[in-house]
Amino acid sequence: MNMPPTPNLPLMNMPSNFASAPSYRDRSTGLTIFGIIHILLGGFCALMCPLALFGLMMSRKISGISTPMASQYLGVLWYAFLAAIFITLGIGSIQARRWAHALSLILSYIWLIGGSLVVVLLTAIMPVAIRTAMHQGGSKEVSAGAMAVILTIGIAFAALFLIALPIAFLVFYSKQDVRETCRQRDPVERWTDRCPLPVLAMSLLFAFTAFYYLATGVAKPLLPFFGVYLTGIRGTIGFLLIAALEAYFARAFFKLKPTGWWVAVLTRGLLLTSAVVTATRTSLMDAYVKMGMSSQQLQQLNANPLVHSKAIVFFGLSFSLVLFGYSLWLKKYFKNPDAGQEPSYNPVIA
């Protein structure tokens, strides 16, 4: 006797958890691990604050150069800022927050680009810096073999933290599964969702540079301006004006305002041109003279080869050029403000 064919089971008879099974791999464990690494890096930066302050004070005592304490605090403030950023992102990553995922991606890109330039800079100036330090300390000339070992260890250590580590962060946070995990565990639209990620990165950079120019204008006003250095009250006013413009650019980019893009590109182009003209026509010694340093201080600085090196100037100009080129590339987001912007996330209604 022939058996009748078995009918197909309807979808409603399937297990209830089958239809709702996630189409991505949950990355909560990885978010926790990288969040802990974030917090550890933040703790390291926090520990560097007192160490940096102590090193600056000892350098001032040994060299006898009485630079304003306000300018020395900029380095300490930088470590405190990094500590706050890393710890905040670490907590957000452990909690799988959408804003932490977006900001971690942005930080990784900036970290990698800036770190690569720093490693190139260290490769150029470390030999001169080591010889200068040994000479000032009264030590004998370092052999070529010892110099090679010192340079290799130093550059490898810098490359580990400034290149390899941000690459690891970038690879992890770029995964689609990581992004989807954060969206599922944090199904609420955040402020980082209101702007395309590439534009958001530039907006945050403008906000940071606004704060940087404000602090520099108060602590150490030394502004390159088309072949001369503006110091004193003129330098302070110049920095404050630029800081106000950078704050405007940060808001305009976040709002995807085309006018803000045009003004930002023109301003950045003028600042870059001014820096190039000043770097080719003057030296840092001219700036130190205008800052009112004593003849003894000027002699000590003039004896330091790093002061006459163009490597540091090249680093600053290279980073400015990268930012300018990146700003030009962002033009496509301002032709059509909706282009490239991801739609808001709507949670699935069970």
C-alpha atoms as a PDB file:
ATOM      1  CA  MET A   1       0.000   0.000   0.000  1.00  0.00           C
ATOM      2  CA  ASN A   2       1.387   3.341  -1.008  1.00  0.00           C
ATOM      3  CA  MET A   3       1.816   5.828   1.818  1.00  0.00           C
ATOM      4  CA  PRO A   4       0.603   9.374   1.199  1.00  0.00           C
ATOM      5  CA  PRO A   5       3.344  11.979   0.919  1.00  0.00           C
ATOM      6  CA  THR A   6       4.269  13.727   4.111  1.00  0.00           C
ATOM      7  CA  PRO A   7       2.999  17.302   4.002  1.00  0.00           C
ATOM      8  CA  ASN A   8       5.439  20.142   4.532  1.00  0.00           C
ATOM      9  CA  LEU A   9       5.347  21.508   8.025  1.00  0.00           C
ATOM     10  CA  PRO A  10       4.063  25.076   8.087  1.00  0.00           C
ATOM     11  CA  LEU A  11       6.375  27.823   9.262  1.00  0.00           C
ATOM     12  CA  MET A  12       4.147  28.408  12.277  1.00  0.00           C
ATOM     13  CA  ASN A  13       5.041  24.952  13.605  1.00  0.00           C
ATOM     14  CA  MET A  14       8.770  25.706  13.559  1.00  0.00           C
ATOM     15  CA  PRO A  15      10.483  26.455  16.878  1.00  0.00           C
ATOM     16  CA  SER A  16       9.827  29.991  18.013  1.00  0.00           C
ATOM     17  CA  ASN A  17      13.519  30.773  18.336  1.00  0.00           C
ATOM     18  CA  PHE A  18      14.272  29.753  14.746  1.00  0.00           C
ATOM     19  CA  ALA A  19      12.796  32.839  13.070  1.00  0.00           C
ATOM     20  CA  SER A  20      14.377  35.186  15.591  1.00  0.00           C
ATOM     21  CA  ALA A  21      17.849  33.639  15.460  1.00  0.00           C
ATOM     22  CA  PRO A  22      20.410  36.395  14.890  1.00  0.00           C
ATOM     23  CA  SER A  23      22.027  36.556  11.461  1.00  0.00           C
ATOM     24  CA  TYR A  24      25.297  37.746  12.970  1.00  0.00           C
ATOM     25  CA  ARG A  25      27.852  36.450  15.438  1.00  0.00           C
ATOM     26  CA  ASP A  26      27.566  38.046  18.846  1.00  0.00           C
ATOM     27  CA  ARG A  27      30.805  39.885  19.649  1.00  0.00           C
ATOM     28  CA  SER A  28      30.043  40.888  23.241  1.00  0.00           C
ATOM     29  CA  THR A  29      33.093  39.042  24.552  1.00  0.00           C
ATOM     30  CA  GLY A  30      35.393  40.812  22.094  1.00  0.00           C
ATOM     31  CA  LEU A  31      33.839  44.170  22.972  1.00  0.00           C
ATOM     32  CA  THR A  32      34.562  43.465  26.630  1.00  0.00           C
ATOM     33  CA  ILE A  33      38.170  42.462  25.937  1.00  0.00           C
ATOM     34  CA  PHE A  34      38.883  45.532  23.826  1.00  0.00           C
ATOM     35  CA  GLY A  35      37.052  47.669  26.354  1.00  0.00           C
ATOM     36  CA  ILE A  36      39.398  46.428  29.082  1.00  0.00           C
ATOM     37  CA  ILE A  37      42.387  47.215  26.842  1.00  0.00           C
ATOM     38  CA  HIS A  38      40.963  50.718  26.380  1.00  0.00           C
ATOM     39  CA  ILE A  39      40.725  51.192  30.138  1.00  0.00           C
ATOM     40  CA  LEU A  40      44.274  49.879  30.679  1.00  0.00           C
ATOM     41  CA  LEU A  41      45.591  52.347  28.115  1.00  0.00           C
ATOM     42  CA  GLY A  42      43.655  55.103  29.853  1.00  0.00           C
ATOM     43  CA  GLY A  43      45.191  54.120  33.181  1.00  0.00           C
ATOM     44  CA  PHE A  44      48.654  54.218  31.625  1.00  0.00           C
ATOM     45  CA  CYS A  45      48.002  57.722  30.279  1.00  0.00           C
ATOM     46  CA  ALA A  46      46.743  58.810  33.700  1.00  0.00           C
ATOM     47  CA  LEU A  47      49.967  57.541  35.293  1.00  0.00           C
ATOM     48  CA  MET A  48      51.960  59.512  32.736  1.00  0.00           C
ATOM     49  CA  CYS A  49      50.489  62.811  33.988  1.00  0.00           C
ATOM     50  CA  PRO A  50      52.582  63.043  37.189  1.00  0.00           C
ATOM     51  CA  LEU A  51      55.582  61.458  35.464  1.00  0.00           C
ATOM     52  CA  ALA A  52      55.455  64.010  32.635  1.00  0.00           C
ATOM     53  CA  LEU A  53      55.157  66.861  35.127  1.00  0.00           C
ATOM     54  CA  PHE A  54      58.112  65.540  37.124  1.00  0.00           C
ATOM     55  CA  GLY A  55      60.193  65.126  33.951  1.00  0.00           C
ATOM     56  CA  LEU A  56      59.432  68.671  32.831  1.00  0.00           C
ATOM     57  CA  MET A  57      60.401  70.079  36.209  1.00  0.00           C
ATOM     58  CA  MET A  58      63.657  68.105  36.289  1.00  0.00           C
ATOM     59  CA  SER A  59      64.501  69.157  32.728  1.00  0.00           C
ATOM     60  CA  ARG A  60      63.873  72.754  33.662  1.00  0.00           C
ATOM     61  CA  LYS A  61      66.120  72.413  36.720  1.00  0.00           C
ATOM     62  CA  ILE A  62      68.986  70.681  34.885  1.00  0.00           C
ATOM     63  CA  SER A  63      68.944  72.823  31.748  1.00  0.00           C
ATOM     64  CA  GLY A  64      68.350  76.059  33.593  1.00  0.00           C
ATOM     65  CA  ILE A  65      65.882  77.193  30.947  1.00  0.00           C
ATOM     66  CA  SER A  66      62.959  78.921  32.633  1.00  0.00           C
ATOM     67  CA  THR A  67      60.112  78.313  30.246  1.00  0.00           C
ATOM     68  CA  PRO A  68      56.663  79.358  31.434  1.00  0.00           C
ATOM     69  CA  MET A  69      55.027  76.681  33.543  1.00  0.00           C
ATOM     70  CA  ALA A  70      51.761  77.204  31.665  1.00  0.00           C
ATOM     71  CA  SER A  71      53.355  75.893  28.462  1.00  0.00           C
ATOM     72  CA  GLN A  72      54.757  72.871  30.307  1.00  0.00           C
ATOM     73  CA  TYR A  73      51.303  71.919  31.536  1.00  0.00           C
ATOM     74  CA  LEU A  74      50.134  71.367  27.953  1.00  0.00           C
ATOM     75  CA  GLY A  75      51.846  67.968  27.864  1.00  0.00           C
ATOM     76  CA  VAL A  76      50.257  66.957  31.157  1.00  0.00           C
ATOM     77  CA  LEU A  77      46.876  68.126  29.891  1.00  0.00           C
ATOM     78  CA  TRP A  78      47.345  66.017  26.761  1.00  0.00           C
ATOM     79  CA  TYR A  79      47.890  62.826  28.808  1.00  0.00           C
ATOM     80  CA  ALA A  80      44.849  63.641  30.976  1.00  0.00           C
ATOM     81  CA  PHE A  81      42.743  64.107  27.836  1.00  0.00           C
ATOM     82  CA  LEU A  82      43.869  60.757  26.418  1.00  0.00           C
ATOM     83  CA  ALA A  83      43.162  59.047  29.742  1.00  0.00           C
ATOM     84  CA  ALA A  84      39.598  60.376  29.776  1.00  0.00           C
ATOM     85  CA  ILE A  85      39.033  59.320  26.147  1.00  0.00           C
ATOM     86  CA  PHE A  86      40.343  55.761  26.559  1.00  0.00           C
ATOM     87  CA  ILE A  87      38.536  55.096  29.831  1.00  0.00           C
ATOM     88  CA  THR A  88      35.229  56.460  28.506  1.00  0.00           C
ATOM     89  CA  LEU A  89      35.453  54.399  25.314  1.00  0.00           C
ATOM     90  CA  GLY A  90      36.450  51.340  27.327  1.00  0.00           C
ATOM     91  CA  ILE A  91      33.345  51.550  29.495  1.00  0.00           C
ATOM     92  CA  GLY A  92      31.171  52.181  26.440  1.00  0.00           C
ATOM     93  CA  SER A  93      32.684  49.203  24.604  1.00  0.00           C
ATOM     94  CA  ILE A  94      32.041  46.860  27.534  1.00  0.00           C
ATOM     95  CA  GLN A  95      28.430  48.046  27.541  1.00  0.00           C
ATOM     96  CA  ALA A  96      28.271  47.635  23.733  1.00  0.00           C
ATOM     97  CA  ARG A  97      27.141  51.212  23.162  1.00  0.00           C
ATOM     98  CA  ARG A  98      26.694  52.373  19.577  1.00  0.00           C
ATOM     99  CA  TRP A  99      28.527  55.646  20.218  1.00  0.00           C
ATOM    100  CA  ALA A 100      31.500  53.730  21.645  1.00  0.00           C
ATOM    101  CA  HIS A 101      31.718  51.610  18.484  1.00  0.00           C
ATOM    102  CA  ALA A 102      31.648  54.682  16.205  1.00  0.00           C
ATOM    103  CA  LEU A 103      34.142  56.672  18.279  1.00  0.00           C
ATOM    104  CA  SER A 104      36.486  53.692  18.642  1.00  0.00           C
ATOM    105  CA  LEU A 105      36.606  53.377  14.855  1.00  0.00           C
ATOM    106  CA  ILE A 106      37.357  57.082  14.488  1.00  0.00           C
ATOM    107  CA  LEU A 107      40.024  56.977  17.190  1.00  0.00           C
ATOM    108  CA  SER A 108      41.666  53.952  15.559  1.00  0.00           C
ATOM    109  CA  TYR A 109      41.966  55.690  12.192  1.00  0.00           C
ATOM    110  CA  ILE A 110      43.385  58.888  13.698  1.00  0.00           C
ATOM    111  CA  TRP A 111      45.667  56.876  15.968  1.00  0.00           C
ATOM    112  CA  LEU A 112      47.046  54.874  13.034  1.00  0.00           C
ATOM    113  CA  ILE A 113      47.614  57.850  10.721  1.00  0.00           C
ATOM    114  CA  GLY A 114      49.117  60.076  13.416  1.00  0.00           C
ATOM    115  CA  GLY A 115      51.132  57.198  14.872  1.00  0.00           C
ATOM    116  CA  SER A 116      52.638  56.328  11.502  1.00  0.00           C
ATOM    117  CA  LEU A 117      53.795  59.924  11.077  1.00  0.00           C
ATOM    118  CA  VAL A 118      55.225  59.933  14.607  1.00  0.00           C
ATOM    119  CA  VAL A 119      57.209  56.752  13.920  1.00  0.00           C
ATOM    120  CA  VAL A 120      58.664  58.353  10.784  1.00  0.00           C
ATOM    121  CA  LEU A 121      59.520  61.444  12.830  1.00  0.00           C
ATOM    122  CA  LEU A 122      61.191  59.375  15.560  1.00  0.00           C
ATOM    123  CA  THR A 123      63.217  57.504  12.959  1.00  0.00           C
ATOM    124  CA  ALA A 124      64.534  60.836  11.686  1.00  0.00           C
ATOM    125  CA  ILE A 125      65.283  62.595  14.995  1.00  0.00           C
ATOM    126  CA  MET A 126      66.191  59.768  17.397  1.00  0.00           C
ATOM    127  CA  PRO A 127      69.851  59.496  16.275  1.00  0.00           C
ATOM    128  CA  VAL A 128      70.347  63.233  16.752  1.00  0.00           C
ATOM    129  CA  ALA A 129      68.454  63.251  20.060  1.00  0.00           C
ATOM    130  CA  ILE A 130      70.498  60.370  21.501  1.00  0.00           C
ATOM    131  CA  ARG A 131      73.827  61.922  20.478  1.00  0.00           C
ATOM    132  CA  THR A 132      72.782  65.276  21.919  1.00  0.00           C
ATOM    133  CA  ALA A 133      71.690  63.725  25.208  1.00  0.00           C
ATOM    134  CA  MET A 134      74.915  61.724  25.501  1.00  0.00           C
ATOM    135  CA  HIS A 135      77.004  64.801  24.714  1.00  0.00           C
ATOM    136  CA  GLN A 136      75.218  66.985  27.242  1.00  0.00           C
ATOM    137  CA  GLY A 137      75.545  64.262  29.849  1.00  0.00           C
ATOM    138  CA  GLY A 138      79.291  64.039  29.331  1.00  0.00           C
ATOM    139  CA  SER A 139      79.189  60.440  28.075  1.00  0.00           C
ATOM    140  CA  LYS A 140      81.457  58.986  25.441  1.00  0.00           C
ATOM    141  CA  GLU A 141      80.447  58.716  21.817  1.00  0.00           C
ATOM    142  CA  VAL A 142      78.070  55.809  21.222  1.00  0.00           C
ATOM    143  CA  SER A 143      79.335  53.149  18.826  1.00  0.00           C
ATOM    144  CA  ALA A 144      77.479  52.443  15.608  1.00  0.00           C
ATOM    145  CA  GLY A 145      76.400  48.998  16.836  1.00  0.00           C
ATOM    146  CA  ALA A 146      75.047  50.314  20.128  1.00  0.00           C
ATOM    147  CA  MET A 147      73.267  53.133  18.325  1.00  0.00           C
ATOM    148  CA  ALA A 148      71.620  50.624  15.964  1.00  0.00           C
ATOM    149  CA  VAL A 149      70.392  48.514  18.895  1.00  0.00           C
ATOM    150  CA  ILE A 150      68.986  51.551  20.727  1.00  0.00           C
ATOM    151  CA  LEU A 151      67.251  52.823  17.597  1.00  0.00           C
ATOM    152  CA  THR A 152      65.806  49.410  16.750  1.00  0.00           C
ATOM    153  CA  ILE A 153      64.363  48.908  20.235  1.00  0.00           C
ATOM    154  CA  GLY A 154      62.984  52.433  20.405  1.00  0.00           C
ATOM    155  CA  ILE A 155      61.385  52.377  16.966  1.00  0.00           C
ATOM    156  CA  ALA A 156      59.991  48.853  17.482  1.00  0.00           C
ATOM    157  CA  PHE A 157      58.425  49.899  20.789  1.00  0.00           C
ATOM    158  CA  ALA A 158      56.909  52.991  19.168  1.00  0.00           C
ATOM    159  CA  ALA A 159      55.624  50.982  16.189  1.00  0.00           C
ATOM    160  CA  LEU A 160      53.961  48.487  18.537  1.00  0.00           C
ATOM    161  CA  PHE A 161      51.885  51.114  20.307  1.00  0.00           C
ATOM    162  CA  LEU A 162      51.438  53.597  17.461  1.00  0.00           C
ATOM    163  CA  ILE A 163      50.894  51.264  14.494  1.00  0.00           C
ATOM    164  CA  ALA A 164      50.262  47.635  15.479  1.00  0.00           C
ATOM    165  CA  LEU A 165      47.846  48.378  18.328  1.00  0.00           C
ATOM    166  CA  PRO A 166      45.574  50.761  16.372  1.00  0.00           C
ATOM    167  CA  ILE A 167      45.532  48.268  13.488  1.00  0.00           C
ATOM    168  CA  ALA A 168      44.231  45.609  15.900  1.00  0.00           C
ATOM    169  CA  PHE A 169      41.521  48.003  17.116  1.00  0.00           C
ATOM    170  CA  LEU A 170      40.651  48.956  13.561  1.00  0.00           C
ATOM    171  CA  VAL A 171      40.347  45.354  12.379  1.00  0.00           C
ATOM    172  CA  PHE A 172      38.074  44.420  15.283  1.00  0.00           C
ATOM    173  CA  TYR A 173      35.747  47.428  15.301  1.00  0.00           C
ATOM    174  CA  SER A 174      35.428  47.352  11.500  1.00  0.00           C
ATOM    175  CA  LYS A 175      33.751  43.934  11.598  1.00  0.00           C
ATOM    176  CA  GLN A 176      30.097  43.904  10.606  1.00  0.00           C
ATOM    177  CA  ASP A 177      29.339  41.521  13.487  1.00  0.00           C
ATOM    178  CA  VAL A 178      30.731  44.029  16.000  1.00  0.00           C
ATOM    179  CA  ARG A 179      28.629  46.826  14.538  1.00  0.00           C
ATOM    180  CA  GLU A 180      25.497  44.689  14.575  1.00  0.00           C
ATOM    181  CA  THR A 181      26.140  43.517  18.132  1.00  0.00           C
ATOM    182  CA  CYS A 182      26.209  47.111  19.311  1.00  0.00           C
ATOM    183  CA  ARG A 183      23.049  47.916  17.356  1.00  0.00           C
ATOM    184  CA  GLN A 184      21.174  44.999  18.869  1.00  0.00           C
ATOM    185  CA  ARG A 185      22.336  45.578  22.435  1.00  0.00           C
ATOM    186  CA  ASP A 186      21.832  49.341  22.194  1.00  0.00           C
ATOM    187  CA  PRO A 187      18.669  49.777  20.064  1.00  0.00           C
ATOM    188  CA  VAL A 188      18.456  53.536  20.610  1.00  0.00           C
ATOM    189  CA  GLU A 189      19.576  56.178  18.140  1.00  0.00           C
ATOM    190  CA  ARG A 190      22.656  57.968  19.465  1.00  0.00           C
ATOM    191  CA  TRP A 191      24.195  61.289  18.475  1.00  0.00           C
ATOM    192  CA  THR A 192      26.894  59.471  16.498  1.00  0.00           C
ATOM    193  CA  ASP A 193      24.155  58.090  14.196  1.00  0.00           C
ATOM    194  CA  ARG A 194      23.098  61.560  13.041  1.00  0.00           C
ATOM    195  CA  CYS A 195      26.170  62.175  10.894  1.00  0.00           C
ATOM    196  CA  PRO A 196      28.138  60.021   8.406  1.00  0.00           C
ATOM    197  CA  LEU A 197      31.105  58.493  10.168  1.00  0.00           C
ATOM    198  CA  PRO A 198      33.810  60.118   7.953  1.00  0.00           C
ATOM    199  CA  VAL A 199      32.296  63.564   8.486  1.00  0.00           C
ATOM    200  CA  LEU A 200      31.837  62.921  12.201  1.00  0.00           C
ATOM    201  CA  ALA A 201      35.564  62.176  12.444  1.00  0.00           C
ATOM    202  CA  MET A 202      36.429  65.560  10.946  1.00  0.00           C
ATOM    203  CA  SER A 203      33.875  67.311  13.152  1.00  0.00           C
ATOM    204  CA  LEU A 204      35.487  65.827  16.254  1.00  0.00           C
ATOM    205  CA  LEU A 205      38.939  66.783  14.989  1.00  0.00           C
ATOM    206  CA  PHE A 206      37.776  70.375  14.595  1.00  0.00           C
ATOM    207  CA  ALA A 207      36.418  70.316  18.144  1.00  0.00           C
ATOM    208  CA  PHE A 208      39.741  69.023  19.432  1.00  0.00           C
ATOM    209  CA  THR A 209      41.814  71.569  17.507  1.00  0.00           C
ATOM    210  CA  ALA A 210      39.556  74.347  18.787  1.00  0.00           C
ATOM    211  CA  PHE A 211      40.433  73.341  22.331  1.00  0.00           C
ATOM    212  CA  TYR A 212      44.105  72.947  21.386  1.00  0.00           C
ATOM    213  CA  TYR A 213      44.330  76.421  19.826  1.00  0.00           C
ATOM    214  CA  LEU A 214      42.569  77.911  22.842  1.00  0.00           C
ATOM    215  CA  ALA A 215      44.996  76.297  25.298  1.00  0.00           C
ATOM    216  CA  THR A 216      48.033  77.154  23.159  1.00  0.00           C
ATOM    217  CA  GLY A 217      46.955  80.761  22.755  1.00  0.00           C
ATOM    218  CA  VAL A 218      46.774  81.144  26.510  1.00  0.00           C
ATOM    219  CA  ALA A 219      49.853  79.121  27.457  1.00  0.00           C
ATOM    220  CA  LYS A 220      52.331  79.496  24.571  1.00  0.00           C
ATOM    221  CA  PRO A 221      51.241  81.953  21.854  1.00  0.00           C
ATOM    222  CA  LEU A 222      53.603  81.293  18.940  1.00  0.00           C
ATOM    223  CA  LEU A 223      51.637  81.530  15.703  1.00  0.00           C
ATOM    224  CA  PRO A 224      53.269  81.229  12.252  1.00  0.00           C
ATOM    225  CA  PHE A 225      51.842  83.928   9.996  1.00  0.00           C
ATOM    226  CA  PHE A 226      53.132  84.177   6.406  1.00  0.00           C
ATOM    227  CA  GLY A 227      56.845  84.395   7.147  1.00  0.00           C
ATOM    228  CA  VAL A 228      56.826  85.674  10.734  1.00  0.00           C
ATOM    229  CA  TYR A 229      55.897  84.364  14.164  1.00  0.00           C
ATOM    230  CA  LEU A 230      53.203  86.179  16.101  1.00  0.00           C
ATOM    231  CA  THR A 231      53.876  86.142  19.844  1.00  0.00           C
ATOM    232  CA  GLY A 232      52.496  87.871  22.903  1.00  0.00           C
ATOM    233  CA  ILE A 233      49.085  89.460  22.674  1.00  0.00           C
ATOM    234  CA  ARG A 234      49.047  89.263  18.861  1.00  0.00           C
ATOM    235  CA  GLY A 235      49.703  85.544  18.973  1.00  0.00           C
ATOM    236  CA  THR A 236      47.025  85.036  21.629  1.00  0.00           C
ATOM    237  CA  ILE A 237      44.423  86.950  19.607  1.00  0.00           C
ATOM    238  CA  GLY A 238      45.320  84.959  16.487  1.00  0.00           C
ATOM    239  CA  PHE A 239      44.958  81.632  18.281  1.00  0.00           C
ATOM    240  CA  LEU A 240      41.643  82.648  19.835  1.00  0.00           C
ATOM    241  CA  LEU A 241      40.243  83.640  16.440  1.00  0.00           C
ATOM    242  CA  ILE A 242      41.318  80.327  14.919  1.00  0.00           C
ATOM    243  CA  ALA A 243      39.852  78.447  17.893  1.00  0.00           C
ATOM    244  CA  ALA A 244      36.503  80.171  17.331  1.00  0.00           C
ATOM    245  CA  LEU A 245      36.580  79.214  13.642  1.00  0.00           C
ATOM    246  CA  GLU A 246      37.436  75.599  14.456  1.00  0.00           C
ATOM    247  CA  ALA A 247      34.501  75.423  16.879  1.00  0.00           C
ATOM    248  CA  TYR A 248      32.215  76.736  14.118  1.00  0.00           C
ATOM    249  CA  PHE A 249      33.594  74.146  11.680  1.00  0.00           C
ATOM    250  CA  ALA A 250      32.931  71.346  14.175  1.00  0.00           C
ATOM    251  CA  ARG A 251      29.257  72.270  14.400  1.00  0.00           C
ATOM    252  CA  ALA A 252      28.889  73.017  10.666  1.00  0.00           C
ATOM    253  CA  PHE A 253      30.370  69.653   9.660  1.00  0.00           C
ATOM    254  CA  PHE A 254      28.160  67.772  12.120  1.00  0.00           C
ATOM    255  CA  LYS A 255      25.135  69.549  10.601  1.00  0.00           C
ATOM    256  CA  LEU A 256      26.463  68.900   7.050  1.00  0.00           C
ATOM    257  CA  LYS A 257      26.342  72.584   6.121  1.00  0.00           C
ATOM    258  CA  PRO A 258      27.941  73.213   2.676  1.00  0.00           C
ATOM    259  CA  THR A 259      28.865  76.786   3.653  1.00  0.00           C
ATOM    260  CA  GLY A 260      30.830  75.454   6.616  1.00  0.00           C
ATOM    261  CA  TRP A 261      32.739  73.098   4.315  1.00  0.00           C
ATOM    262  CA  TRP A 262      33.723  75.910   1.937  1.00  0.00           C
ATOM    263  CA  VAL A 263      34.867  78.209   4.737  1.00  0.00           C
ATOM    264  CA  ALA A 264      36.769  75.364   6.415  1.00  0.00           C
ATOM    265  CA  VAL A 265      38.627  74.416   3.231  1.00  0.00           C
ATOM    266  CA  LEU A 266      39.572  78.027   2.488  1.00  0.00           C
ATOM    267  CA  THR A 267      40.700  78.648   6.072  1.00  0.00           C
ATOM    268  CA  ARG A 268      42.675  75.409   6.231  1.00  0.00           C
ATOM    269  CA  GLY A 269      44.311  76.230   2.907  1.00  0.00           C
ATOM    270  CA  LEU A 270      45.380  79.661   4.184  1.00  0.00           C
ATOM    271  CA  LEU A 271      46.737  78.207   7.441  1.00  0.00           C
ATOM    272  CA  LEU A 272      48.693  75.541   5.566  1.00  0.00           C
ATOM    273  CA  THR A 273      50.125  78.127   3.147  1.00  0.00           C
ATOM    274  CA  SER A 274      51.054  80.370   6.062  1.00  0.00           C
ATOM    275  CA  ALA A 275      52.844  77.516   7.829  1.00  0.00           C
ATOM    276  CA  VAL A 276      54.795  76.552   4.689  1.00  0.00           C
ATOM    277  CA  VAL A 277      55.866  80.148   4.012  1.00  0.00           C
ATOM    278  CA  THR A 278      56.940  80.641   7.623  1.00  0.00           C
ATOM    279  CA  ALA A 279      58.842  77.342   7.738  1.00  0.00           C
ATOM    280  CA  THR A 280      60.812  78.201   4.587  1.00  0.00           C
ATOM    281  CA  ARG A 281      61.641  81.797   5.542  1.00  0.00           C
ATOM    282  CA  THR A 282      62.328  81.633   9.265  1.00  0.00           C
ATOM    283  CA  SER A 283      63.610  79.267  11.948  1.00  0.00           C
ATOM    284  CA  LEU A 284      62.497  78.365  15.440  1.00  0.00           C
ATOM    285  CA  MET A 285      65.374  80.436  16.836  1.00  0.00           C
ATOM    286  CA  ASP A 286      63.709  83.534  15.400  1.00  0.00           C
ATOM    287  CA  ALA A 287      60.571  82.594  17.297  1.00  0.00           C
ATOM    288  CA  TYR A 288      62.475  82.054  20.557  1.00  0.00           C
ATOM    289  CA  VAL A 289      64.094  85.469  20.174  1.00  0.00           C
ATOM    290  CA  LYS A 290      60.671  87.076  19.774  1.00  0.00           C
ATOM    291  CA  MET A 291      59.466  85.253  22.893  1.00  0.00           C
ATOM    292  CA  GLY A 292      61.968  87.270  24.939  1.00  0.00           C
ATOM    293  CA  MET A 293      64.340  84.505  26.030  1.00  0.00           C
ATOM    294  CA  SER A 294      67.651  85.463  27.612  1.00  0.00           C
ATOM    295  CA  SER A 295      70.970  85.166  25.786  1.00  0.00           C
ATOM    296  CA  GLN A 296      71.948  82.156  27.926  1.00  0.00           C
ATOM    297  CA  GLN A 297      68.749  80.350  27.068  1.00  0.00           C
ATOM    298  CA  LEU A 298      69.187  81.127  23.383  1.00  0.00           C
ATOM    299  CA  GLN A 299      72.764  79.788  23.436  1.00  0.00           C
ATOM    300  CA  GLN A 300      71.620  76.517  25.004  1.00  0.00           C
ATOM    301  CA  LEU A 301      68.835  76.131  22.493  1.00  0.00           C
ATOM    302  CA  ASN A 302      71.084  77.030  19.584  1.00  0.00           C
ATOM    303  CA  ALA A 303      73.486  74.263  20.614  1.00  0.00           C
ATOM    304  CA  ASN A 304      70.704  71.682  20.317  1.00  0.00           C
ATOM    305  CA  PRO A 305      70.640  70.187  16.791  1.00  0.00           C
ATOM    306  CA  LEU A 306      66.939  69.364  17.143  1.00  0.00           C
ATOM    307  CA  VAL A 307      66.096  73.055  17.169  1.00  0.00           C
ATOM    308  CA  HIS A 308      67.624  73.424  13.702  1.00  0.00           C
ATOM    309  CA  SER A 309      66.149  70.184  12.384  1.00  0.00           C
ATOM    310  CA  LYS A 310      63.384  70.413   9.793  1.00  0.00           C
ATOM    311  CA  ALA A 311      61.978  67.016  10.790  1.00  0.00           C
ATOM    312  CA  ILE A 312      59.603  68.400  13.414  1.00  0.00           C
ATOM    313  CA  VAL A 313      58.411  71.104  11.025  1.00  0.00           C
ATOM    314  CA  PHE A 314      57.928  68.461   8.323  1.00  0.00           C
ATOM    315  CA  PHE A 315      55.831  66.374  10.717  1.00  0.00           C
ATOM    316  CA  GLY A 316      53.516  69.272  11.498  1.00  0.00           C
ATOM    317  CA  LEU A 317      53.129  70.205   7.845  1.00  0.00           C
ATOM    318  CA  SER A 318      52.509  66.576   6.837  1.00  0.00           C
ATOM    319  CA  PHE A 319      49.699  66.150   9.357  1.00  0.00           C
ATOM    320  CA  SER A 320      48.147  69.458   8.277  1.00  0.00           C
ATOM    321  CA  LEU A 321      48.365  68.385   4.638  1.00  0.00           C
ATOM    322  CA  VAL A 322      46.650  65.074   5.416  1.00  0.00           C
ATOM    323  CA  LEU A 323      43.793  66.884   7.171  1.00  0.00           C
ATOM    324  CA  PHE A 324      43.446  69.333   4.289  1.00  0.00           C
ATOM    325  CA  GLY A 325      43.287  66.530   1.731  1.00  0.00           C
ATOM    326  CA  TYR A 326      40.768  64.660   3.866  1.00  0.00           C
ATOM    327  CA  SER A 327      38.582  67.764   4.077  1.00  0.00           C
ATOM    328  CA  LEU A 328      38.582  67.993   0.270  1.00  0.00           C
ATOM    329  CA  TRP A 329      37.594  64.328   0.015  1.00  0.00           C
ATOM    330  CA  LEU A 330      34.575  64.934   2.260  1.00  0.00           C
ATOM    331  CA  LYS A 331      33.025  67.274  -0.326  1.00  0.00           C
ATOM    332  CA  LYS A 332      30.762  64.473  -1.610  1.00  0.00           C
ATOM    333  CA  TYR A 333      28.878  64.412   1.690  1.00  0.00           C
ATOM    334  CA  PHE A 334      28.039  68.101   1.373  1.00  0.00           C
ATOM    335  CA  LYS A 335      26.760  67.994  -2.211  1.00  0.00           C
ATOM    336  CA  ASN A 336      23.853  65.878  -0.996  1.00  0.00           C
ATOM    337  CA  PRO A 337      23.572  65.925   2.816  1.00  0.00           C
ATOM    338  CA  ASP A 338      21.708  62.597   2.788  1.00  0.00           C
ATOM    339  CA  ALA A 339      24.408  60.832   0.749  1.00  0.00           C
ATOM    340  CA  GLY A 340      26.273  58.248   2.737  1.00  0.00           C
ATOM    341  CA  GLN A 341      24.186  58.728   5.879  1.00  0.00           C
ATOM    342  CA  GLU A 342      22.888  55.513   7.335  1.00  0.00           C
ATOM    343  CA  PRO A 343      19.198  55.311   8.155  1.00  0.00           C
ATOM    344  CA  SER A 344      18.186  55.379  11.752  1.00  0.00           C
ATOM    345  CA  TYR A 345      17.939  51.991  13.363  1.00  0.00           C
ATOM    346  CA  ASN A 346      14.430  50.762  14.062  1.00  0.00           C
ATOM    347  CA  PRO A 347      14.223  47.864  16.503  1.00  0.00           C
ATOM    348  CA  VAL A 348      12.397  44.764  15.315  1.00  0.00           C
ATOM    349  CA  ILE A 349       8.979  44.463  16.875  1.00  0.00           C
ATOM    350  CA  ALA A 350       8.387  40.938  18.036  1.00  0.00           C
END
